[in-house]
């Protein structure tokens, strides 16, 4: 498979998996609820999406633009379900954090600095969701499918960036993929824990 063709296939697979991963969480929030879903994490996804759209436009890579543009509406619905207007400090912190990591380095040092800063933000972005899963036993609102597909999506983006020789986003995405895998594994453990403990709770409650 020619070099450019492989990059295109990997990139559009990344776009498709990004859409699927976000849809899993979007669907779960609508049907199961928001229990355990982190406003900080998803608000930062929306803000980082703005950076990737700007970066993709700057480097003339439409597939990078599409990777964020197509999933923005679902991400915004998830954020809206988490009532950001009731958590203004959280919103302000998210805006300042992504601004400091992504946009300020870009303005001062160029796109590569912004991409590396966004990589730091992507790793930090997973921490609130990990914290929710560690501290709350019944986090059924977190979609295992979403984060599992997200990890697969990151793998496709890594293949794309490698083929296109875009090393800064490759490194940043690789770091984020580790967070996706950790969240998927922990969410699966929490879901299994709830399923195992539910019958026992029912028995105790009936005594």
Protein backbone atom coordinates (compact mmCIF):
# COMPACT_ATOMS: atom_id res chain seq x y z
CA UNK A 1 0.00 0.00 0.00
CA UNK A 2 1.49 3.36 -1.00
CA UNK A 3 2.65 5.64 1.79
CA UNK A 4 0.03 8.36 1.27
CA UNK A 5 -2.76 5.84 0.84
CA UNK A 6 -1.91 4.11 4.12
CA UNK A 7 -1.87 7.48 5.91
CA UNK A 8 -5.26 8.38 4.44
CA UNK A 9 -6.82 5.03 5.43
CA UNK A 10 -5.41 5.21 8.97
CA UNK A 11 -6.55 8.82 9.34
CA UNK A 12 -10.11 8.20 8.21
CA UNK A 13 -10.30 5.09 10.37
CA UNK A 14 -9.24 7.34 13.23
CA UNK A 15 -12.05 9.77 12.36
CA UNK A 16 -14.59 6.93 12.22
CA UNK A 17 -13.46 5.45 15.53
CA UNK A 18 -13.46 8.91 17.15
CA UNK A 19 -17.09 9.24 16.11
CA UNK A 20 -17.94 5.76 17.37
CA UNK A 21 -16.17 6.25 20.71
CA UNK A 22 -17.97 9.53 21.33
CA UNK A 23 -21.31 8.04 20.27
CA UNK A 24 -20.93 5.26 22.85
CA UNK A 25 -20.59 7.80 25.66
CA UNK A 26 -23.24 10.09 24.13
CA UNK A 27 -25.71 7.18 24.00
CA UNK A 28 -24.86 6.03 27.52
CA UNK A 29 -25.33 9.50 28.98
CA UNK A 30 -28.75 9.73 27.33
CA UNK A 31 -29.91 6.24 28.35
CA UNK A 32 -28.12 5.44 31.63
CA UNK A 33 -27.27 8.85 33.06
CA UNK A 34 -24.30 10.99 33.98
CA UNK A 35 -23.17 9.07 37.07
CA UNK A 36 -19.37 9.11 37.18
CA UNK A 37 -18.95 11.15 33.98
CA UNK A 38 -16.43 13.96 34.48
CA UNK A 39 -17.40 17.48 33.38
CA UNK A 40 -13.73 18.50 33.41
CA UNK A 41 -12.76 15.67 31.06
CA UNK A 42 -15.50 16.28 28.49
CA UNK A 43 -15.28 20.06 28.58
CA UNK A 44 -11.56 19.78 27.90
CA UNK A 45 -12.33 17.44 24.99
CA UNK A 46 -14.46 20.20 23.47
CA UNK A 47 -11.76 22.83 24.00
CA UNK A 48 -8.95 20.62 22.70
CA UNK A 49 -11.10 19.91 19.67
CA UNK A 50 -10.92 23.62 18.87
CA UNK A 51 -7.12 23.39 18.95
CA UNK A 52 -7.01 20.34 16.65
CA UNK A 53 -9.34 22.02 14.17
CA UNK A 54 -7.03 25.05 14.13
CA UNK A 55 -3.92 22.86 13.84
CA UNK A 56 -5.36 20.72 11.06
CA UNK A 57 -6.31 23.86 9.15
CA UNK A 58 -2.82 25.31 9.62
CA UNK A 59 -1.03 22.20 8.32
CA UNK A 60 -3.63 21.64 5.56
CA UNK A 61 -4.69 18.22 6.86
CA UNK A 62 -8.48 18.00 6.54
CA UNK A 63 -8.58 14.58 8.20
CA UNK A 64 -7.30 16.17 11.44
CA UNK A 65 -9.99 18.84 11.19
CA UNK A 66 -12.66 16.19 10.61
CA UNK A 67 -11.46 14.17 13.60
CA UNK A 68 -12.74 16.87 15.96
CA UNK A 69 -15.34 18.66 13.87
CA UNK A 70 -17.57 15.59 13.37
CA UNK A 71 -17.76 14.76 17.08
CA UNK A 72 -18.15 18.26 18.48
CA UNK A 73 -21.99 18.19 18.55
CA UNK A 74 -22.10 14.99 20.64
CA UNK A 75 -19.37 16.24 22.98
CA UNK A 76 -21.30 19.46 23.51
CA UNK A 77 -24.48 17.53 24.34
CA UNK A 78 -22.55 15.46 26.91
CA UNK A 79 -21.15 18.65 28.46
CA UNK A 80 -24.63 20.23 28.50
CA UNK A 81 -26.02 17.18 30.34
CA UNK A 82 -23.40 17.78 33.04
CA UNK A 83 -24.81 21.29 33.71
CA UNK A 84 -21.62 23.38 33.27
CA UNK A 85 -23.52 26.57 34.22
CA UNK A 86 -23.74 25.17 37.75
CA UNK A 87 -19.99 24.61 37.90
CA UNK A 88 -18.49 27.90 36.72
CA UNK A 89 -15.20 27.37 38.54
CA UNK A 90 -14.74 24.02 36.77
CA UNK A 91 -15.46 25.69 33.41
CA UNK A 92 -13.04 28.55 34.12
CA UNK A 93 -10.29 26.14 35.17
CA UNK A 94 -10.78 24.06 32.03
CA UNK A 95 -10.62 27.11 29.77
CA UNK A 96 -7.51 28.45 31.48
CA UNK A 97 -5.82 25.04 31.50
CA UNK A 98 -6.35 24.31 27.79
CA UNK A 99 -5.47 27.88 26.94
CA UNK A 100 -2.19 27.60 28.88
CA UNK A 101 -1.31 24.16 27.47
CA UNK A 102 -2.41 24.51 23.86
CA UNK A 103 -2.96 28.05 22.66
CA UNK A 104 -0.38 30.08 24.59
CA UNK A 105 2.58 27.81 23.54
CA UNK A 106 1.35 27.94 19.93
CA UNK A 107 1.28 31.74 19.92
CA UNK A 108 4.67 31.99 21.61
CA UNK A 109 6.66 29.15 20.03
CA UNK A 110 4.70 27.72 17.10
CA UNK A 111 2.45 24.76 16.34
CA UNK A 112 4.82 22.03 17.53
CA UNK A 113 4.96 23.57 21.00
CA UNK A 114 1.17 23.79 21.03
CA UNK A 115 0.85 20.14 20.02
CA UNK A 116 3.23 18.98 22.75
CA UNK A 117 1.35 21.16 25.23
CA UNK A 118 -1.89 19.60 24.07
CA UNK A 119 -0.32 16.19 24.66
CA UNK A 120 0.27 17.18 28.28
CA UNK A 121 -3.34 18.39 28.43
CA UNK A 122 -4.62 15.13 26.95
CA UNK A 123 -2.84 13.09 29.62
CA UNK A 124 -4.03 15.40 32.41
CA UNK A 125 -7.50 15.38 30.85
CA UNK A 126 -7.89 11.68 31.69
CA UNK A 127 -7.03 12.18 35.38
CA UNK A 128 -10.45 13.53 36.53
CA UNK A 129 -12.19 10.56 34.86
CA UNK A 130 -9.75 8.13 36.49
CA UNK A 131 -10.35 9.86 39.82
CA UNK A 132 -14.13 9.46 39.41
CA UNK A 133 -13.72 5.75 38.70
CA UNK A 134 -11.34 5.20 41.61
CA UNK A 135 -13.45 7.05 44.18
CA UNK A 136 -16.97 6.04 43.07
CA UNK A 137 -17.92 2.37 43.08
CA UNK A 138 -21.11 2.63 41.02
CA UNK A 139 -19.94 4.57 37.97
CA UNK A 140 -22.24 2.97 35.40
CA UNK A 141 -22.47 6.19 33.41
CA UNK A 142 -18.92 5.69 32.13
CA UNK A 143 -18.93 3.76 28.86
CA UNK A 144 -16.36 0.96 28.59
CA UNK A 145 -17.07 0.82 24.87
CA UNK A 146 -16.35 4.52 24.44
CA UNK A 147 -12.91 4.38 26.05
CA UNK A 148 -11.99 1.04 24.45
CA UNK A 149 -12.81 2.35 21.00
CA UNK A 150 -11.02 5.55 21.99
CA UNK A 151 -7.85 3.54 22.58
CA UNK A 152 -8.25 1.87 19.17
CA UNK A 153 -8.86 5.29 17.66
CA UNK A 154 -5.61 6.58 19.18
CA UNK A 155 -3.77 3.65 17.58
CA UNK A 156 -5.13 4.66 14.16
CA UNK A 157 -4.10 8.27 14.70
CA UNK A 158 -0.62 7.13 15.71
CA UNK A 159 -0.39 5.18 12.44
CA UNK A 160 -1.59 8.22 10.52
CA UNK A 161 0.80 10.66 12.18
CA UNK A 162 3.69 8.24 11.72
CA UNK A 163 2.95 7.84 8.01
CA UNK A 164 2.56 11.60 7.61
CA UNK A 165 5.76 12.18 9.66
CA UNK A 166 3.96 14.42 12.14
CA UNK A 167 5.99 13.46 15.21
CA UNK A 168 4.63 15.93 17.77
CA UNK A 169 1.00 14.76 17.48
CA UNK A 170 2.18 11.13 17.34
CA UNK A 171 3.91 11.43 20.72
CA UNK A 172 1.01 13.35 22.23
CA UNK A 173 -1.56 10.83 20.99
CA UNK A 174 0.51 7.90 22.24
CA UNK A 175 0.51 9.34 25.73
CA UNK A 176 -3.26 9.90 25.57
CA UNK A 177 -3.82 6.31 24.42
CA UNK A 178 -2.30 5.03 27.68
CA UNK A 179 -4.93 7.03 29.57
CA UNK A 180 -7.73 5.65 27.38
CA UNK A 181 -6.64 2.08 28.11
CA UNK A 182 -6.44 2.75 31.87
CA UNK A 183 -9.95 4.24 31.95
CA UNK A 184 -11.43 1.42 29.86
CA UNK A 185 -9.92 -1.24 32.14
CA UNK A 186 -11.00 0.51 35.34
CA UNK A 187 -14.51 1.20 34.02
CA UNK A 188 -14.89 -2.47 33.06
CA UNK A 189 -13.80 -3.45 36.57
CA UNK A 190 -16.34 -1.06 38.14
CA UNK A 191 -19.17 -2.35 35.95
CA UNK A 192 -18.31 -5.93 36.83
CA UNK A 193 -18.12 -4.99 40.51
CA UNK A 194 -21.62 -3.49 40.41
CA UNK A 195 -23.04 -6.56 38.65
CA UNK A 196 -21.47 -8.90 41.21
CA UNK A 197 -22.59 -6.86 44.23
CA UNK A 198 -26.12 -6.03 43.06
CA UNK A 199 -27.70 -9.44 43.90
CA UNK A 200 -26.09 -9.37 47.35
CA UNK A 201 -27.48 -5.89 48.02
CA UNK A 202 -30.94 -7.08 47.01
CA UNK A 203 -30.71 -10.01 49.40
CA UNK A 204 -29.52 -7.83 52.28
CA UNK A 205 -32.23 -5.27 51.61
CA UNK A 206 -34.94 -7.90 51.73
CA UNK A 207 -33.84 -9.29 55.11
